[in-house]
Amino acid sequence: MQRYYFDLTDERGTALDEEGLLLSSLRAVQAEAAKSVGDMARDAIIATPATGGRQRMAIEVRDAEGPVMQVTLSFAIEAFNARSPSGDH
């Protein structure tokens, strides 16, 4: 098992992972990065106004020797005519 660090980057800057996770393979690293970027995307989409424009976020994975992998996600929210007065689905 090797320790991997998952640094989070978005428009606000980078948050360095100081603890890391012990994982057994690059496939496990990729799965953890996908989970992390998915969580970031969900939170950003909920918090972003409907006219929020484009967003970009990344998980940059490193080990003791340096960079291992980067998973990047970009999205945009574009609101069309509102269908209900309350703004709910």
Foldseek 3Di string as FASTA:
>chain_A
DFFKWWWKQWPVGIDTGPPGDDDDDVVVVVVVQVVVVVVVVVVCVVPAPLQRAKIKMKIFMAGPVGTDDMDMDMDHHHDDDQPDPVSDD
